[in-house]
Amino acid sequence: MSLKHRYSPQTHPLGHVVEDAEFTVFFGNKNSEPDALNKFFPEYRLVILNQTHSDIVVHSTDDSLTGDRREADAHWTKDPRLALCVRTADCIPVLIFDPTTRLIASAHAGWRGVENEIIHKTCRVLSDRGAKLESSFAWIGPHIRDASFEVGQEVAAKLEARFDAVRGYSEKATSLALHSDPSKSYVNLEVIARAQLRSHGFEPERITELAIDTVQSPEHASYRRDKHSPRRQFSFIALK
């Protein structure tokens, strides 16, 4: 069985899941509210952040379950049964597992997060704590895909600059595609996120993408499609 097949997310009532002897990876749909997650995954304790599209990476422990939610857009732990949650509605959830140190991390990477290099900073934190990223696994969850993600040229230039910095780790020549309106471009966030992961040593076969466009999927919350809806999907990674 290939690594990609072994760790490909399988259908779950609340989204998609990878169940391994050491960890659980979960990507939620629009029904994946905390109460529902607690019902389906009673063995885990959900750690939820106050996400602000920042570049802040924090360490989550049992102490993180009390008090106000901390402001951050990525967190990491080695503690078992802590589900490191991220909330998304078009942004990319990125989940990481290092089998060598049993470090895990989750990151919320929208276009601002990609531009703020939240993926880079999460990888650096893990490396600083001994993670062997060349033998680690990463999952890229449902998000707004290039066919739906049209932006103005100012945002496109910022994102292409981030891609330029890691272009050598991608088979693609650009993260952009032409738009019929010359003042806009389509952006492929997954291409940038994947290249950023590759730049830290992740092997291609150890990066798995769940190729679902949240804008086009009625099963998923989408800010771009439903701007006034408060719904979000929750994703997490947890050690057993």
C-alpha atoms as a PDB file:
ATOM      1  CA  MET A   1       0.000   0.000   0.000  1.00  0.00           C
ATOM      2  CA  SER A   2       1.419   3.404  -0.968  1.00  0.00           C
ATOM      3  CA  LEU A   3       1.897   6.113   1.641  1.00  0.00           C
ATOM      4  CA  LYS A   4      -0.613   8.318  -0.153  1.00  0.00           C
ATOM      5  CA  HIS A   5      -3.255   5.593  -0.215  1.00  0.00           C
ATOM      6  CA  ARG A   6      -2.586   4.620   3.384  1.00  0.00           C
ATOM      7  CA  TYR A   7      -3.100   8.171   4.612  1.00  0.00           C
ATOM      8  CA  SER A   8      -5.819   9.338   2.225  1.00  0.00           C
ATOM      9  CA  PRO A   9      -8.845  10.705   4.150  1.00  0.00           C
ATOM     10  CA  GLN A  10     -11.910   8.473   4.128  1.00  0.00           C
ATOM     11  CA  THR A  11     -15.548   9.603   4.217  1.00  0.00           C
ATOM     12  CA  HIS A  12     -16.960  10.373   7.679  1.00  0.00           C
ATOM     13  CA  PRO A  13     -20.455  11.681   8.623  1.00  0.00           C
ATOM     14  CA  LEU A  14     -18.906  15.038   9.552  1.00  0.00           C
ATOM     15  CA  GLY A  15     -16.314  15.173   6.779  1.00  0.00           C
ATOM     16  CA  HIS A  16     -13.242  13.022   6.124  1.00  0.00           C
ATOM     17  CA  VAL A  17     -10.920  11.161   8.478  1.00  0.00           C
ATOM     18  CA  VAL A  18      -7.603   9.296   8.586  1.00  0.00           C
ATOM     19  CA  GLU A  19      -7.410   6.811  11.463  1.00  0.00           C
ATOM     20  CA  ASP A  20      -3.938   5.505  12.264  1.00  0.00           C
ATOM     21  CA  ALA A  21      -2.619   3.566  15.253  1.00  0.00           C
ATOM     22  CA  GLU A  22      -0.814   6.726  16.395  1.00  0.00           C
ATOM     23  CA  PHE A  23      -3.063   9.620  15.359  1.00  0.00           C
ATOM     24  CA  THR A  24      -6.343  10.840  13.925  1.00  0.00           C
ATOM     25  CA  VAL A  25      -6.527  13.402  11.122  1.00  0.00           C
ATOM     26  CA  PHE A  26      -9.956  14.933  10.540  1.00  0.00           C
ATOM     27  CA  PHE A  27     -11.255  17.430   7.983  1.00  0.00           C
ATOM     28  CA  GLY A  28     -14.751  18.637   8.771  1.00  0.00           C
ATOM     29  CA  ASN A  29     -17.697  19.699   6.676  1.00  0.00           C
ATOM     30  CA  LYS A  30     -20.162  22.460   7.577  1.00  0.00           C
ATOM     31  CA  ASN A  31     -21.769  20.240  10.256  1.00  0.00           C
ATOM     32  CA  SER A  32     -18.537  19.724  12.188  1.00  0.00           C
ATOM     33  CA  GLU A  33     -19.367  21.976  15.147  1.00  0.00           C
ATOM     34  CA  PRO A  34     -17.631  21.258  18.483  1.00  0.00           C
ATOM     35  CA  ASP A  35     -20.681  19.558  20.006  1.00  0.00           C
ATOM     36  CA  ALA A  36     -20.867  17.175  17.062  1.00  0.00           C
ATOM     37  CA  LEU A  37     -17.128  16.501  17.210  1.00  0.00           C
ATOM     38  CA  ASN A  38     -17.352  15.726  20.922  1.00  0.00           C
ATOM     39  CA  LYS A  39     -20.051  13.164  20.142  1.00  0.00           C
ATOM     40  CA  PHE A  40     -18.078  11.402  17.395  1.00  0.00           C
ATOM     41  CA  PHE A  41     -14.640  11.738  19.026  1.00  0.00           C
ATOM     42  CA  PRO A  42     -15.283  11.550  22.793  1.00  0.00           C
ATOM     43  CA  GLU A  43     -11.717  10.388  23.445  1.00  0.00           C
ATOM     44  CA  TYR A  44     -10.285  13.763  22.393  1.00  0.00           C
ATOM     45  CA  ARG A  45     -10.235  17.205  24.025  1.00  0.00           C
ATOM     46  CA  LEU A  46     -10.722  20.009  21.493  1.00  0.00           C
ATOM     47  CA  VAL A  47      -8.293  22.946  21.611  1.00  0.00           C
ATOM     48  CA  ILE A  48      -9.729  25.904  19.687  1.00  0.00           C
ATOM     49  CA  LEU A  49      -7.837  29.116  18.890  1.00  0.00           C
ATOM     50  CA  ASN A  50      -8.947  32.701  18.364  1.00  0.00           C
ATOM     51  CA  GLN A  51      -7.832  32.918  14.725  1.00  0.00           C
ATOM     52  CA  THR A  52      -6.972  36.331  13.283  1.00  0.00           C
ATOM     53  CA  HIS A  53      -5.022  35.486  10.068  1.00  0.00           C
ATOM     54  CA  SER A  54      -1.826  36.068  12.058  1.00  0.00           C
ATOM     55  CA  ASP A  55       1.616  34.439  11.913  1.00  0.00           C
ATOM     56  CA  ILE A  56       1.410  33.321  15.559  1.00  0.00           C
ATOM     57  CA  VAL A  57       2.242  29.688  16.450  1.00  0.00           C
ATOM     58  CA  VAL A  58       1.584  28.501  20.029  1.00  0.00           C
ATOM     59  CA  HIS A  59       2.136  25.390  22.129  1.00  0.00           C
ATOM     60  CA  SER A  60      -1.132  23.727  23.168  1.00  0.00           C
ATOM     61  CA  THR A  61      -1.401  21.708  26.398  1.00  0.00           C
ATOM     62  CA  ASP A  62      -4.211  20.760  28.764  1.00  0.00           C
ATOM     63  CA  ASP A  63      -3.847  24.250  30.271  1.00  0.00           C
ATOM     64  CA  SER A  64      -4.993  25.616  26.908  1.00  0.00           C
ATOM     65  CA  LEU A  65      -8.456  24.197  27.568  1.00  0.00           C
ATOM     66  CA  THR A  66      -9.159  26.740  30.310  1.00  0.00           C
ATOM     67  CA  GLY A  67      -9.533  30.508  30.106  1.00  0.00           C
ATOM     68  CA  ASP A  68      -9.948  32.601  26.982  1.00  0.00           C
ATOM     69  CA  ARG A  69      -9.019  31.231  23.590  1.00  0.00           C
ATOM     70  CA  ARG A  70      -5.512  32.298  22.667  1.00  0.00           C
ATOM     71  CA  GLU A  71      -4.890  34.428  19.606  1.00  0.00           C
ATOM     72  CA  ALA A  72      -2.952  32.325  17.105  1.00  0.00           C
ATOM     73  CA  ASP A  73      -3.349  30.653  13.734  1.00  0.00           C
ATOM     74  CA  ALA A  74      -1.297  27.532  14.360  1.00  0.00           C
ATOM     75  CA  HIS A  75      -0.542  25.305  17.311  1.00  0.00           C
ATOM     76  CA  TRP A  76       1.554  22.254  18.126  1.00  0.00           C
ATOM     77  CA  THR A  77       1.782  19.613  20.846  1.00  0.00           C
ATOM     78  CA  LYS A  78       3.198  16.233  21.856  1.00  0.00           C
ATOM     79  CA  ASP A  79       0.382  15.597  24.329  1.00  0.00           C
ATOM     80  CA  PRO A  80      -1.943  12.678  23.544  1.00  0.00           C
ATOM     81  CA  ARG A  81      -5.678  13.152  23.049  1.00  0.00           C
ATOM     82  CA  LEU A  82      -5.474  16.893  22.445  1.00  0.00           C
ATOM     83  CA  ALA A  83      -7.247  17.685  19.172  1.00  0.00           C
ATOM     84  CA  LEU A  84      -5.535  20.717  17.635  1.00  0.00           C
ATOM     85  CA  CYS A  85      -8.445  22.409  15.857  1.00  0.00           C
ATOM     86  CA  VAL A  86      -8.551  24.990  13.095  1.00  0.00           C
ATOM     87  CA  ARG A  87     -11.727  26.629  11.768  1.00  0.00           C
ATOM     88  CA  THR A  88     -12.018  27.374   8.069  1.00  0.00           C
ATOM     89  CA  ALA A  89     -14.469  28.578   5.446  1.00  0.00           C
ATOM     90  CA  ASP A  90     -12.285  28.764   2.298  1.00  0.00           C
ATOM     91  CA  CYS A  91      -8.900  28.987   4.057  1.00  0.00           C
ATOM     92  CA  ILE A  92      -6.574  25.962   4.003  1.00  0.00           C
ATOM     93  CA  PRO A  93      -6.328  23.696   7.047  1.00  0.00           C
ATOM     94  CA  VAL A  94      -2.822  22.190   7.165  1.00  0.00           C
ATOM     95  CA  LEU A  95      -2.188  19.260   9.528  1.00  0.00           C
ATOM     96  CA  ILE A  96       1.274  17.808  10.291  1.00  0.00           C
ATOM     97  CA  PHE A  97       2.541  14.646  12.018  1.00  0.00           C
ATOM     98  CA  ASP A  98       6.180  13.735  12.720  1.00  0.00           C
ATOM     99  CA  PRO A  99       6.505  10.023  13.533  1.00  0.00           C
ATOM    100  CA  THR A 100      10.021  10.472  14.931  1.00  0.00           C
ATOM    101  CA  THR A 101       9.177  12.880  17.767  1.00  0.00           C
ATOM    102  CA  ARG A 102       5.372  12.424  17.766  1.00  0.00           C
ATOM    103  CA  LEU A 103       5.001  16.154  17.326  1.00  0.00           C
ATOM    104  CA  ILE A 104       1.786  17.302  15.650  1.00  0.00           C
ATOM    105  CA  ALA A 105       0.630  20.704  14.429  1.00  0.00           C
ATOM    106  CA  SER A 106      -2.323  22.339  12.741  1.00  0.00           C
ATOM    107  CA  ALA A 107      -2.337  25.636  10.865  1.00  0.00           C
ATOM    108  CA  HIS A 108      -5.019  27.947   9.466  1.00  0.00           C
ATOM    109  CA  ALA A 109      -3.676  29.289   6.167  1.00  0.00           C
ATOM    110  CA  GLY A 110      -5.878  31.602   4.168  1.00  0.00           C
ATOM    111  CA  TRP A 111      -4.367  33.989   1.662  1.00  0.00           C
ATOM    112  CA  ARG A 112      -3.326  36.298   4.494  1.00  0.00           C
ATOM    113  CA  GLY A 113      -1.846  33.359   6.378  1.00  0.00           C
ATOM    114  CA  VAL A 114       0.068  32.227   3.301  1.00  0.00           C
ATOM    115  CA  GLU A 115       1.279  35.785   2.778  1.00  0.00           C
ATOM    116  CA  ASN A 116       2.230  35.990   6.488  1.00  0.00           C
ATOM    117  CA  GLU A 117       4.092  32.659   6.094  1.00  0.00           C
ATOM    118  CA  ILE A 118       2.174  30.787   8.800  1.00  0.00           C
ATOM    119  CA  ILE A 119       3.160  27.452   7.205  1.00  0.00           C
ATOM    120  CA  HIS A 120       6.853  28.374   7.181  1.00  0.00           C
ATOM    121  CA  LYS A 121       6.693  29.490  10.806  1.00  0.00           C
ATOM    122  CA  THR A 122       4.881  26.349  11.917  1.00  0.00           C
ATOM    123  CA  CYS A 123       7.527  24.191  10.228  1.00  0.00           C
ATOM    124  CA  ARG A 124      10.339  26.186  11.829  1.00  0.00           C
ATOM    125  CA  VAL A 125       8.800  25.768  15.294  1.00  0.00           C
ATOM    126  CA  LEU A 126       8.549  22.011  14.763  1.00  0.00           C
ATOM    127  CA  SER A 127      12.117  21.803  13.478  1.00  0.00           C
ATOM    128  CA  ASP A 128      13.390  23.790  16.451  1.00  0.00           C
ATOM    129  CA  ARG A 129      11.813  21.148  18.691  1.00  0.00           C
ATOM    130  CA  GLY A 130      13.474  18.269  16.928  1.00  0.00           C
ATOM    131  CA  ALA A 131      10.927  17.288  14.267  1.00  0.00           C
ATOM    132  CA  LYS A 132      12.330  15.463  11.229  1.00  0.00           C
ATOM    133  CA  LEU A 133      10.236  17.086   8.525  1.00  0.00           C
ATOM    134  CA  GLU A 134      11.789  15.021   5.741  1.00  0.00           C
ATOM    135  CA  SER A 135      10.058  11.989   7.259  1.00  0.00           C
ATOM    136  CA  SER A 136       6.934  13.833   8.448  1.00  0.00           C
ATOM    137  CA  PHE A 137       3.460  13.811   6.916  1.00  0.00           C
ATOM    138  CA  ALA A 138       1.264  16.766   5.973  1.00  0.00           C
ATOM    139  CA  TRP A 139      -2.353  17.023   4.891  1.00  0.00           C
ATOM    140  CA  ILE A 140      -3.888  19.944   2.981  1.00  0.00           C
ATOM    141  CA  GLY A 141      -7.639  20.085   3.552  1.00  0.00           C
ATOM    142  CA  PRO A 142     -10.663  21.467   1.668  1.00  0.00           C
ATOM    143  CA  HIS A 143     -10.310  25.121   0.699  1.00  0.00           C
ATOM    144  CA  ILE A 144     -11.101  27.609  -2.033  1.00  0.00           C
ATOM    145  CA  ARG A 145      -9.403  26.287  -5.158  1.00  0.00           C
ATOM    146  CA  ASP A 146      -7.978  28.148  -8.112  1.00  0.00           C
ATOM    147  CA  ALA A 147     -11.122  27.980 -10.264  1.00  0.00           C
ATOM    148  CA  SER A 148     -12.999  29.915  -7.552  1.00  0.00           C
ATOM    149  CA  PHE A 149     -10.280  32.104  -6.050  1.00  0.00           C
ATOM    150  CA  GLU A 150     -10.220  35.308  -8.064  1.00  0.00           C
ATOM    151  CA  VAL A 151      -8.382  38.270  -6.534  1.00  0.00           C
ATOM    152  CA  GLY A 152      -7.228  41.752  -7.488  1.00  0.00           C
ATOM    153  CA  GLN A 153      -3.747  42.213  -8.858  1.00  0.00           C
ATOM    154  CA  GLU A 154      -2.408  43.626  -5.567  1.00  0.00           C
ATOM    155  CA  VAL A 155      -3.253  40.425  -3.673  1.00  0.00           C
ATOM    156  CA  ALA A 156      -2.141  38.305  -6.626  1.00  0.00           C
ATOM    157  CA  ALA A 157       1.281  40.002  -6.600  1.00  0.00           C
ATOM    158  CA  LYS A 158       1.707  39.386  -2.859  1.00  0.00           C
ATOM    159  CA  LEU A 159       0.877  35.705  -3.213  1.00  0.00           C
ATOM    160  CA  GLU A 160       3.026  35.223  -6.308  1.00  0.00           C
ATOM    161  CA  ALA A 161       5.931  36.768  -4.380  1.00  0.00           C
ATOM    162  CA  ARG A 162       5.497  34.061  -1.739  1.00  0.00           C
ATOM    163  CA  PHE A 163       5.461  31.450  -4.477  1.00  0.00           C
ATOM    164  CA  ASP A 164       8.571  32.964  -6.085  1.00  0.00           C
ATOM    165  CA  ALA A 165      10.429  32.379  -2.813  1.00  0.00           C
ATOM    166  CA  VAL A 166       9.785  28.604  -3.024  1.00  0.00           C
ATOM    167  CA  ARG A 167       9.429  28.171  -6.787  1.00  0.00           C
ATOM    168  CA  GLY A 168      12.313  25.701  -6.858  1.00  0.00           C
ATOM    169  CA  TYR A 169      10.234  23.258  -4.800  1.00  0.00           C
ATOM    170  CA  SER A 170       7.308  23.163  -7.230  1.00  0.00           C
ATOM    171  CA  GLU A 171       6.679  21.671 -10.647  1.00  0.00           C
ATOM    172  CA  LYS A 172       4.535  24.702 -11.436  1.00  0.00           C
ATOM    173  CA  ALA A 173       5.877  27.872 -13.040  1.00  0.00           C
ATOM    174  CA  THR A 174       3.389  30.154 -11.300  1.00  0.00           C
ATOM    175  CA  SER A 175       0.595  30.151  -8.726  1.00  0.00           C
ATOM    176  CA  LEU A 176      -1.535  32.413 -10.949  1.00  0.00           C
ATOM    177  CA  ALA A 177      -3.895  31.873 -13.876  1.00  0.00           C
ATOM    178  CA  LEU A 178      -5.266  34.431 -16.298  1.00  0.00           C
ATOM    179  CA  HIS A 179      -8.664  35.998 -15.665  1.00  0.00           C
ATOM    180  CA  SER A 180     -10.979  37.460 -18.306  1.00  0.00           C
ATOM    181  CA  ASP A 181     -10.814  40.729 -16.346  1.00  0.00           C
ATOM    182  CA  PRO A 182      -7.227  42.058 -16.611  1.00  0.00           C
ATOM    183  CA  SER A 183      -7.546  43.661 -13.177  1.00  0.00           C
ATOM    184  CA  LYS A 184      -7.884  40.184 -11.597  1.00  0.00           C
ATOM    185  CA  SER A 185      -6.124  36.824 -11.443  1.00  0.00           C
ATOM    186  CA  TYR A 186      -6.968  33.347 -10.247  1.00  0.00           C
ATOM    187  CA  VAL A 187      -4.682  32.034  -7.483  1.00  0.00           C
ATOM    188  CA  ASN A 188      -3.823  28.437  -6.618  1.00  0.00           C
ATOM    189  CA  LEU A 189      -3.189  28.535  -2.855  1.00  0.00           C
ATOM    190  CA  GLU A 190      -2.497  24.793  -2.732  1.00  0.00           C
ATOM    191  CA  VAL A 191       0.484  25.175  -5.066  1.00  0.00           C
ATOM    192  CA  ILE A 192       2.013  27.760  -2.722  1.00  0.00           C
ATOM    193  CA  ALA A 193       1.244  25.771   0.451  1.00  0.00           C
ATOM    194  CA  ARG A 194       2.681  22.575  -1.033  1.00  0.00           C
ATOM    195  CA  ALA A 195       5.884  24.328  -2.173  1.00  0.00           C
ATOM    196  CA  GLN A 196       6.282  25.922   1.244  1.00  0.00           C
ATOM    197  CA  LEU A 197       6.028  22.490   2.872  1.00  0.00           C
ATOM    198  CA  ARG A 198       8.465  21.011   0.339  1.00  0.00           C
ATOM    199  CA  SER A 199      10.970  23.776   1.142  1.00  0.00           C
ATOM    200  CA  HIS A 200      11.166  22.390   4.698  1.00  0.00           C
ATOM    201  CA  GLY A 201      11.980  18.883   3.553  1.00  0.00           C
ATOM    202  CA  PHE A 202       8.566  17.258   3.145  1.00  0.00           C
ATOM    203  CA  GLU A 203       8.705  14.584   0.457  1.00  0.00           C
ATOM    204  CA  PRO A 204       5.992  14.824  -2.250  1.00  0.00           C
ATOM    205  CA  GLU A 205       4.495  11.422  -1.406  1.00  0.00           C
ATOM    206  CA  ARG A 206       4.117  12.500   2.230  1.00  0.00           C
ATOM    207  CA  ILE A 207       1.880  15.469   1.382  1.00  0.00           C
ATOM    208  CA  THR A 208      -1.767  14.513   0.885  1.00  0.00           C
ATOM    209  CA  GLU A 209      -4.389  16.914  -0.434  1.00  0.00           C
ATOM    210  CA  LEU A 210      -8.140  16.520  -0.030  1.00  0.00           C
ATOM    211  CA  ALA A 211      -9.086  18.166  -3.317  1.00  0.00           C
ATOM    212  CA  ILE A 212     -12.423  19.748  -2.444  1.00  0.00           C
ATOM    213  CA  ASP A 213     -13.311  23.302  -3.468  1.00  0.00           C
ATOM    214  CA  THR A 214     -15.276  24.750  -0.544  1.00  0.00           C
ATOM    215  CA  VAL A 215     -16.949  27.328  -2.793  1.00  0.00           C
ATOM    216  CA  GLN A 216     -18.309  24.626  -5.083  1.00  0.00           C
ATOM    217  CA  SER A 217     -19.099  22.040  -2.393  1.00  0.00           C
ATOM    218  CA  PRO A 218     -22.559  22.381  -0.776  1.00  0.00           C
ATOM    219  CA  GLU A 219     -21.277  20.179   2.067  1.00  0.00           C
ATOM    220  CA  HIS A 220     -18.761  22.817   3.135  1.00  0.00           C
ATOM    221  CA  ALA A 221     -18.937  26.312   4.561  1.00  0.00           C
ATOM    222  CA  SER A 222     -17.626  29.002   2.236  1.00  0.00           C
ATOM    223  CA  TYR A 223     -17.160  32.634   3.171  1.00  0.00           C
ATOM    224  CA  ARG A 224     -16.850  33.686  -0.455  1.00  0.00           C
ATOM    225  CA  ARG A 225     -20.096  31.936  -1.395  1.00  0.00           C
ATOM    226  CA  ASP A 226     -22.100  32.768   1.765  1.00  0.00           C
ATOM    227  CA  LYS A 227     -20.544  35.939   3.157  1.00  0.00           C
ATOM    228  CA  HIS A 228     -23.132  36.476   5.886  1.00  0.00           C
ATOM    229  CA  SER A 229     -23.149  32.921   7.167  1.00  0.00           C
ATOM    230  CA  PRO A 230     -21.337  32.290  10.478  1.00  0.00           C
ATOM    231  CA  ARG A 231     -20.792  28.610   9.644  1.00  0.00           C
ATOM    232  CA  ARG A 232     -17.292  27.184   9.635  1.00  0.00           C
ATOM    233  CA  GLN A 233     -15.867  23.697   9.400  1.00  0.00           C
ATOM    234  CA  PHE A 234     -13.520  22.340  12.060  1.00  0.00           C
ATOM    235  CA  SER A 235     -10.507  20.197  11.270  1.00  0.00           C
ATOM    236  CA  PHE A 236      -8.019  18.690  13.687  1.00  0.00           C
ATOM    237  CA  ILE A 237      -5.114  16.347  14.275  1.00  0.00           C
ATOM    238  CA  ALA A 238      -4.712  14.420  17.542  1.00  0.00           C
ATOM    239  CA  LEU A 239      -2.344  11.835  18.985  1.00  0.00           C
ATOM    240  CA  LYS A 240      -3.815   8.658  20.418  1.00  0.00           C
END
